[in-house]
C-alpha atoms as a PDB file:
ATOM      1  CA  UNK A   1     -18.387   1.217   0.618  1.00  0.00           C
ATOM      2  CA  UNK A   2     -16.796  -1.697   2.540  1.00  0.00           C
ATOM      3  CA  UNK A   3     -13.289  -2.245   3.910  1.00  0.00           C
ATOM      4  CA  UNK A   4     -12.855  -4.948   1.355  1.00  0.00           C
ATOM      5  CA  UNK A   5     -13.782  -2.405  -1.386  1.00  0.00           C
ATOM      6  CA  UNK A   6     -11.327   0.086  -0.172  1.00  0.00           C
ATOM      7  CA  UNK A   7      -8.599  -2.378   0.039  1.00  0.00           C
ATOM      8  CA  UNK A   8      -9.358  -3.678  -3.468  1.00  0.00           C
ATOM      9  CA  UNK A   9      -9.303  -0.084  -4.723  1.00  0.00           C
ATOM     10  CA  UNK A  10      -5.858   0.510  -3.265  1.00  0.00           C
ATOM     11  CA  UNK A  11      -4.593  -2.690  -4.791  1.00  0.00           C
ATOM     12  CA  UNK A  12      -6.105  -1.754  -8.213  1.00  0.00           C
ATOM     13  CA  UNK A  13      -4.308   1.597  -8.073  1.00  0.00           C
ATOM     14  CA  UNK A  14      -0.959  -0.137  -7.240  1.00  0.00           C
ATOM     15  CA  UNK A  15      -1.461  -2.494 -10.195  1.00  0.00           C
ATOM     16  CA  UNK A  16      -0.533   0.361 -12.427  1.00  0.00           C
ATOM     17  CA  UNK A  17       3.151   0.078 -11.452  1.00  0.00           C
ATOM     18  CA  UNK A  18       4.770  -2.149 -14.083  1.00  0.00           C
ATOM     19  CA  UNK A  19       6.174  -5.456 -12.697  1.00  0.00           C
ATOM     20  CA  UNK A  20       4.680  -5.051  -9.173  1.00  0.00           C
ATOM     21  CA  UNK A  21       2.213  -7.712  -8.013  1.00  0.00           C
ATOM     22  CA  UNK A  22      -0.525  -6.553  -5.743  1.00  0.00           C
ATOM     23  CA  UNK A  23      -2.645  -8.276  -3.277  1.00  0.00           C
ATOM     24  CA  UNK A  24      -5.839  -6.802  -1.375  1.00  0.00           C
ATOM     25  CA  UNK A  25      -5.418  -9.693   1.205  1.00  0.00           C
ATOM     26  CA  UNK A  26      -2.339 -11.181   2.963  1.00  0.00           C
ATOM     27  CA  UNK A  27      -1.000 -13.859   0.808  1.00  0.00           C
ATOM     28  CA  UNK A  28       0.345 -17.151   2.289  1.00  0.00           C
ATOM     29  CA  UNK A  29       3.379 -17.143   0.221  1.00  0.00           C
ATOM     30  CA  UNK A  30       4.230 -13.713  -1.267  1.00  0.00           C
ATOM     31  CA  UNK A  31       6.117 -13.572  -4.439  1.00  0.00           C
ATOM     32  CA  UNK A  32       8.239 -10.388  -4.616  1.00  0.00           C
ATOM     33  CA  UNK A  33       7.995  -7.760  -5.707  1.00  0.00           C
ATOM     34  CA  UNK A  34       4.531  -7.467  -4.189  1.00  0.00           C
ATOM     35  CA  UNK A  35       2.544  -4.781  -2.456  1.00  0.00           C
ATOM     36  CA  UNK A  36       0.055  -6.116   0.113  1.00  0.00           C
ATOM     37  CA  UNK A  37      -2.852  -3.812   1.393  1.00  0.00           C
ATOM     38  CA  UNK A  38      -3.632  -4.357   5.110  1.00  0.00           C
ATOM     39  CA  UNK A  39      -6.412  -2.619   7.132  1.00  0.00           C
ATOM     40  CA  UNK A  40      -5.261  -0.634  10.186  1.00  0.00           C
ATOM     41  CA  UNK A  41      -7.184   1.518  12.704  1.00  0.00           C
ATOM     42  CA  UNK A  42     -10.759   2.841  11.653  1.00  0.00           C
ATOM     43  CA  UNK A  43     -12.113   5.814  13.239  1.00  0.00           C
ATOM     44  CA  UNK A  44     -15.951   5.893  12.881  1.00  0.00           C
ATOM     45  CA  UNK A  45     -18.195   8.987  12.838  1.00  0.00           C
ATOM     46  CA  UNK A  46     -15.705  11.600  12.395  1.00  0.00           C
ATOM     47  CA  UNK A  47     -18.075  14.075  10.817  1.00  0.00           C
ATOM     48  CA  UNK A  48     -21.770  14.647  11.416  1.00  0.00           C
ATOM     49  CA  UNK A  49     -22.716  11.266  12.810  1.00  0.00           C
ATOM     50  CA  UNK A  50     -22.294   8.758   9.868  1.00  0.00           C
ATOM     51  CA  UNK A  51     -21.107  11.543   7.461  1.00  0.00           C
ATOM     52  CA  UNK A  52     -17.410  10.230   7.473  1.00  0.00           C
ATOM     53  CA  UNK A  53     -15.277   7.487   8.620  1.00  0.00           C
ATOM     54  CA  UNK A  54     -11.417   7.709   8.636  1.00  0.00           C
ATOM     55  CA  UNK A  55      -9.518   4.510   7.618  1.00  0.00           C
ATOM     56  CA  UNK A  56      -5.787   3.796   7.946  1.00  0.00           C
ATOM     57  CA  UNK A  57      -4.197   1.164   5.572  1.00  0.00           C
ATOM     58  CA  UNK A  58      -0.674  -0.022   5.396  1.00  0.00           C
ATOM     59  CA  UNK A  59       0.827  -1.157   2.110  1.00  0.00           C
ATOM     60  CA  UNK A  60       3.560  -3.501   2.805  1.00  0.00           C
ATOM     61  CA  UNK A  61       5.935  -3.607  -0.224  1.00  0.00           C
ATOM     62  CA  UNK A  62       8.138  -6.648  -0.424  1.00  0.00           C
ATOM     63  CA  UNK A  63      11.054  -6.810  -2.877  1.00  0.00           C
ATOM     64  CA  UNK A  64      13.897  -9.251  -3.345  1.00  0.00           C
ATOM     65  CA  UNK A  65      16.385 -10.556  -0.836  1.00  0.00           C
ATOM     66  CA  UNK A  66      17.738  -7.952   1.637  1.00  0.00           C
ATOM     67  CA  UNK A  67      21.301  -8.286   0.466  1.00  0.00           C
ATOM     68  CA  UNK A  68      20.422  -7.752  -3.186  1.00  0.00           C
ATOM     69  CA  UNK A  69      21.509  -4.314  -4.661  1.00  0.00           C
ATOM     70  CA  UNK A  70      18.697  -4.632  -7.185  1.00  0.00           C
ATOM     71  CA  UNK A  71      16.226  -4.959  -4.418  1.00  0.00           C
ATOM     72  CA  UNK A  72      17.391  -1.786  -2.871  1.00  0.00           C
ATOM     73  CA  UNK A  73      17.334   0.119  -6.079  1.00  0.00           C
ATOM     74  CA  UNK A  74      13.738  -1.169  -6.769  1.00  0.00           C
ATOM     75  CA  UNK A  75      12.636  -0.210  -3.200  1.00  0.00           C
ATOM     76  CA  UNK A  76      14.229   3.222  -3.669  1.00  0.00           C
ATOM     77  CA  UNK A  77      12.163   3.755  -6.808  1.00  0.00           C
ATOM     78  CA  UNK A  78       8.958   2.713  -4.879  1.00  0.00           C
ATOM     79  CA  UNK A  79       9.661   5.234  -2.256  1.00  0.00           C
ATOM     80  CA  UNK A  80      10.040   8.247  -4.606  1.00  0.00           C
ATOM     81  CA  UNK A  81       7.300  10.834  -4.172  1.00  0.00           C
ATOM     82  CA  UNK A  82       6.581  10.936  -7.900  1.00  0.00           C
ATOM     83  CA  UNK A  83       7.321   8.861 -11.028  1.00  0.00           C
ATOM     84  CA  UNK A  84       6.263   5.791 -12.819  1.00  0.00           C
ATOM     85  CA  UNK A  85       7.352   3.419  -9.962  1.00  0.00           C
ATOM     86  CA  UNK A  86       6.185   5.614  -7.032  1.00  0.00           C
ATOM     87  CA  UNK A  87       3.934   3.908  -4.665  1.00  0.00           C
ATOM     88  CA  UNK A  88       2.478   7.259  -3.552  1.00  0.00           C
ATOM     89  CA  UNK A  89       1.726   8.345  -7.105  1.00  0.00           C
ATOM     90  CA  UNK A  90       0.158   5.077  -7.980  1.00  0.00           C
ATOM     91  CA  UNK A  91      -2.149   4.972  -4.934  1.00  0.00           C
ATOM     92  CA  UNK A  92      -3.190   8.582  -5.411  1.00  0.00           C
ATOM     93  CA  UNK A  93      -3.955   8.111  -9.040  1.00  0.00           C
ATOM     94  CA  UNK A  94      -7.661   7.703  -8.206  1.00  0.00           C
ATOM     95  CA  UNK A  95      -8.309   9.235  -4.794  1.00  0.00           C
ATOM     96  CA  UNK A  96     -11.872   7.903  -4.840  1.00  0.00           C
ATOM     97  CA  UNK A  97     -11.005   4.354  -5.317  1.00  0.00           C
ATOM     98  CA  UNK A  98     -13.519   3.926  -8.010  1.00  0.00           C
ATOM     99  CA  UNK A  99     -16.110   5.971  -6.134  1.00  0.00           C
ATOM    100  CA  UNK A 100     -15.843   4.157  -2.711  1.00  0.00           C
ATOM    101  CA  UNK A 101     -14.019   7.056  -0.886  1.00  0.00           C
ATOM    102  CA  UNK A 102     -14.255  10.767  -0.633  1.00  0.00           C
ATOM    103  CA  UNK A 103     -10.509  11.171  -0.877  1.00  0.00           C
ATOM    104  CA  UNK A 104      -7.197   9.590   0.409  1.00  0.00           C
ATOM    105  CA  UNK A 105      -3.532  10.396   0.616  1.00  0.00           C
ATOM    106  CA  UNK A 106      -0.315   8.478   1.178  1.00  0.00           C
ATOM    107  CA  UNK A 107       1.047  10.182   4.333  1.00  0.00           C
ATOM    108  CA  UNK A 108       4.361   8.533   4.965  1.00  0.00           C
ATOM    109  CA  UNK A 109       6.823   5.550   4.391  1.00  0.00           C
ATOM    110  CA  UNK A 110       8.183   3.841   7.338  1.00  0.00           C
ATOM    111  CA  UNK A 111      10.150   0.626   8.315  1.00  0.00           C
ATOM    112  CA  UNK A 112      12.406   0.395   5.242  1.00  0.00           C
ATOM    113  CA  UNK A 113      13.978  -2.733   6.570  1.00  0.00           C
ATOM    114  CA  UNK A 114      14.597  -6.505   6.452  1.00  0.00           C
ATOM    115  CA  UNK A 115      11.691  -8.907   7.228  1.00  0.00           C
ATOM    116  CA  UNK A 116      11.914 -12.688   7.519  1.00  0.00           C
ATOM    117  CA  UNK A 117       9.169 -14.615   5.651  1.00  0.00           C
ATOM    118  CA  UNK A 118       9.324 -18.441   5.297  1.00  0.00           C
ATOM    119  CA  UNK A 119      12.931 -18.687   6.068  1.00  0.00           C
ATOM    120  CA  UNK A 120      13.915 -15.879   3.668  1.00  0.00           C
ATOM    121  CA  UNK A 121      14.841 -12.374   4.498  1.00  0.00           C
ATOM    122  CA  UNK A 122      13.326  -9.741   2.185  1.00  0.00           C
ATOM    123  CA  UNK A 123      13.767  -5.974   1.940  1.00  0.00           C
ATOM    124  CA  UNK A 124      10.354  -4.328   2.867  1.00  0.00           C
ATOM    125  CA  UNK A 125       8.862  -0.900   3.448  1.00  0.00           C
ATOM    126  CA  UNK A 126       5.488   0.216   4.654  1.00  0.00           C
ATOM    127  CA  UNK A 127       3.352   2.986   3.244  1.00  0.00           C
ATOM    128  CA  UNK A 128       0.588   4.522   5.285  1.00  0.00           C
ATOM    129  CA  UNK A 129      -2.577   5.454   3.446  1.00  0.00           C
ATOM    130  CA  UNK A 130      -5.361   7.628   5.019  1.00  0.00           C
ATOM    131  CA  UNK A 131      -8.752   7.077   3.396  1.00  0.00           C
ATOM    132  CA  UNK A 132     -11.850   9.191   4.148  1.00  0.00           C
ATOM    133  CA  UNK A 133     -15.055   7.545   3.127  1.00  0.00           C
END
């Protein structure tokens, strides 16, 4: 198990959402709609020495321009707790990330807001993923 392997596993799970691009690394020029997996804090040795580490990943979902009604409707579908377009459902589809983790869960969505990238303003949201490996 590696951080890169966990990131890739999350991106693979997200790729099950139709028409959503995914990236296990931060792209230079993201093409919406895209879900970008970023590593956050890591807490080592949470159980029995090297028995368990706890990872927090942020999945940044970028859709169309912030003033586009379609972008808002698309983001709303990604924010649903269940369904074919649900970020939570897609990530939790394989909680072991191909055998790289013991379990995971999507704990919350935050920062549903506008973000400027390369002179464009996009609608974005962050999803927090706790991984135990």
